[in-house]
Amino acid sequence: MRLLHWLVFGILVTPLVELYFLIKVGQVVGPIPTIVLVVLIALAGAALMRHQGFSTLVRVRLAAARGEVPALEMMEGAVILFCGMLLLFPGFISDVFGLLGLIPPVRRAIIGLVLSRAMVRMHPVQRPGQQRHIIDGEFRREDD
């Protein structure tokens, strides 16, 4: 439930912060240069996202051709997609985060941070004080 609160807070506050910074930058450099700057950053980010996306796709295909599971490459693709979505939002803060995520060392650090916090359980875990119930028996097949 706590994650939901942060998500709602972020959805409500992010546009206000973006609008605040757009107004502040517009007051300093003027409205037309601000609009041009936002559009140029979005275009540069889209070009960078396209380049990074294609290079990640090539690495996915190479890993699959070697018979490996391209898990890291797939995660990089997800980060690239998310950062590309950030670049579509008008504003400087989302553009900064979007562009940072398109830099390969930063992207790998983000993935490493997420993986270090993720807990994957492959087998059921027996908790202390919990007893396992094993049923032993025999069976016989009766054909009709």
Protein backbone atom coordinates (compact mmCIF):
# COMPACT_ATOMS: atom_id res chain seq x y z
CA MET A 1 0.00 0.00 0.00
CA ARG A 2 2.91 2.30 0.69
CA LEU A 3 4.07 2.02 -2.94
CA LEU A 4 0.61 3.07 -4.10
CA HIS A 5 0.80 6.21 -1.95
CA TRP A 6 4.17 7.15 -3.45
CA LEU A 7 2.85 6.48 -6.95
CA VAL A 8 -0.19 8.72 -6.46
CA PHE A 9 1.98 11.39 -4.87
CA GLY A 10 4.40 11.25 -7.81
CA ILE A 11 1.60 11.42 -10.37
CA LEU A 12 0.13 14.49 -8.68
CA VAL A 13 3.34 16.36 -7.86
CA THR A 14 5.45 15.67 -10.97
CA PRO A 15 3.40 17.83 -13.38
CA LEU A 16 3.41 20.70 -10.88
CA VAL A 17 7.18 20.56 -10.46
CA GLU A 18 7.69 20.30 -14.22
CA LEU A 19 5.41 23.30 -14.78
CA TYR A 20 7.24 25.30 -12.10
CA PHE A 21 10.62 24.70 -13.75
CA LEU A 22 9.25 25.42 -17.23
CA ILE A 23 7.95 28.78 -15.97
CA LYS A 24 11.24 29.58 -14.22
CA VAL A 25 13.32 28.74 -17.30
CA GLY A 26 10.85 30.68 -19.45
CA GLN A 27 11.32 33.74 -17.23
CA VAL A 28 15.10 33.54 -17.61
CA VAL A 29 15.50 32.76 -21.33
CA GLY A 30 12.07 33.64 -22.70
CA PRO A 31 9.12 31.53 -23.82
CA ILE A 32 10.19 30.75 -27.41
CA PRO A 33 13.72 29.57 -26.47
CA THR A 34 12.19 27.46 -23.68
CA ILE A 35 9.85 25.72 -26.12
CA VAL A 36 12.67 25.22 -28.63
CA LEU A 37 14.90 23.81 -25.89
CA VAL A 38 12.23 21.33 -24.75
CA VAL A 39 11.63 20.19 -28.35
CA LEU A 40 15.37 19.87 -29.10
CA ILE A 41 15.97 17.84 -25.94
CA ALA A 42 13.07 15.56 -26.85
CA LEU A 43 14.39 15.07 -30.41
CA ALA A 44 17.92 14.38 -29.21
CA GLY A 45 16.58 11.95 -26.62
CA ALA A 46 14.45 10.18 -29.23
CA ALA A 47 17.48 9.77 -31.50
CA LEU A 48 19.57 8.48 -28.58
CA MET A 49 16.77 6.14 -27.51
CA ARG A 50 16.52 4.76 -31.05
CA HIS A 51 20.27 4.14 -31.21
CA GLN A 52 20.40 2.52 -27.76
CA GLY A 53 17.31 0.44 -28.52
CA PHE A 54 18.77 -0.97 -31.72
CA SER A 55 22.10 -1.78 -30.09
CA THR A 56 20.24 -3.55 -27.27
CA LEU A 57 18.19 -5.48 -29.83
CA VAL A 58 21.40 -6.63 -31.54
CA ARG A 59 22.79 -7.81 -28.18
CA VAL A 60 19.52 -9.68 -27.48
CA ARG A 61 19.75 -11.47 -30.82
CA LEU A 62 23.42 -12.35 -30.30
CA ALA A 63 22.76 -13.74 -26.82
CA ALA A 64 19.83 -15.77 -28.12
CA ALA A 65 21.97 -17.09 -30.99
CA ARG A 66 24.57 -18.26 -28.45
CA GLY A 67 21.82 -20.10 -26.58
CA GLU A 68 21.91 -17.74 -23.60
CA VAL A 69 18.96 -16.11 -21.93
CA PRO A 70 19.18 -12.37 -22.73
CA ALA A 71 17.81 -11.30 -19.35
CA LEU A 72 20.12 -8.33 -18.79
CA GLU A 73 19.56 -7.09 -22.32
CA MET A 74 15.80 -7.37 -21.87
CA MET A 75 16.00 -5.34 -18.67
CA GLU A 76 18.07 -2.74 -20.48
CA GLY A 77 15.37 -2.62 -23.15
CA ALA A 78 12.73 -2.00 -20.47
CA VAL A 79 14.79 0.84 -18.97
CA ILE A 80 15.29 2.34 -22.44
CA LEU A 81 11.53 2.18 -23.06
CA PHE A 82 10.76 3.82 -19.72
CA CYS A 83 13.34 6.55 -20.31
CA GLY A 84 11.92 7.13 -23.76
CA MET A 85 8.51 7.65 -22.21
CA LEU A 86 10.04 10.17 -19.81
CA LEU A 87 11.43 12.07 -22.78
CA LEU A 88 7.93 12.38 -24.26
CA PHE A 89 6.71 14.37 -21.26
CA PRO A 90 7.32 18.09 -21.66
CA GLY A 91 9.60 19.34 -18.93
CA PHE A 92 13.20 19.47 -17.90
CA ILE A 93 13.20 17.14 -14.90
CA SER A 94 11.70 14.19 -16.79
CA ASP A 95 14.11 14.92 -19.65
CA VAL A 96 17.10 14.81 -17.31
CA PHE A 97 16.03 11.46 -15.85
CA GLY A 98 15.19 10.14 -19.31
CA LEU A 99 18.56 11.14 -20.74
CA LEU A 100 20.42 9.75 -17.72
CA GLY A 101 18.74 6.38 -18.21
CA LEU A 102 19.91 6.28 -21.81
CA ILE A 103 23.58 6.42 -20.79
CA PRO A 104 24.74 2.76 -20.69
CA PRO A 105 26.77 2.88 -17.41
CA VAL A 106 23.96 4.72 -15.63
CA ARG A 107 21.40 2.29 -17.06
CA ARG A 108 23.42 -0.71 -15.83
CA ALA A 109 23.75 0.90 -12.40
CA ILE A 110 19.95 1.34 -12.27
CA ILE A 111 19.45 -2.31 -13.22
CA GLY A 112 22.01 -3.40 -10.63
CA LEU A 113 20.24 -1.38 -7.95
CA VAL A 114 16.86 -2.88 -8.86
CA LEU A 115 18.27 -6.41 -8.94
CA SER A 116 19.99 -5.97 -5.59
CA ARG A 117 16.68 -5.03 -4.02
CA ALA A 118 14.66 -7.71 -5.79
CA MET A 119 14.10 -11.01 -4.08
CA VAL A 120 13.47 -14.00 -6.29
CA ARG A 121 12.46 -17.27 -4.73
CA MET A 122 12.71 -20.34 -6.84
CA HIS A 123 11.60 -22.83 -4.20
CA PRO A 124 9.19 -22.63 -1.31
CA VAL A 125 10.91 -21.54 1.87
CA GLN A 126 10.27 -23.30 5.13
CA ARG A 127 9.87 -20.79 7.91
CA PRO A 128 11.17 -21.47 11.43
CA GLY A 129 8.64 -23.37 13.45
CA GLN A 130 6.80 -24.54 10.37
CA GLN A 131 6.61 -28.29 9.90
CA ARG A 132 6.62 -30.02 6.55
CA HIS A 133 3.96 -32.63 6.01
CA ILE A 134 5.16 -35.59 4.01
CA ILE A 135 2.64 -38.17 2.96
CA ASP A 136 4.16 -41.54 2.17
CA GLY A 137 2.18 -44.10 0.28
CA GLU A 138 2.00 -46.66 -2.47
CA PHE A 139 -0.13 -46.79 -5.55
CA ARG A 140 -1.24 -49.39 -7.99
CA ARG A 141 -2.53 -48.78 -11.49
CA GLU A 142 -5.70 -50.57 -12.35
CA ASP A 143 -6.39 -50.64 -16.07
CA ASP A 144 -9.92 -51.25 -17.29
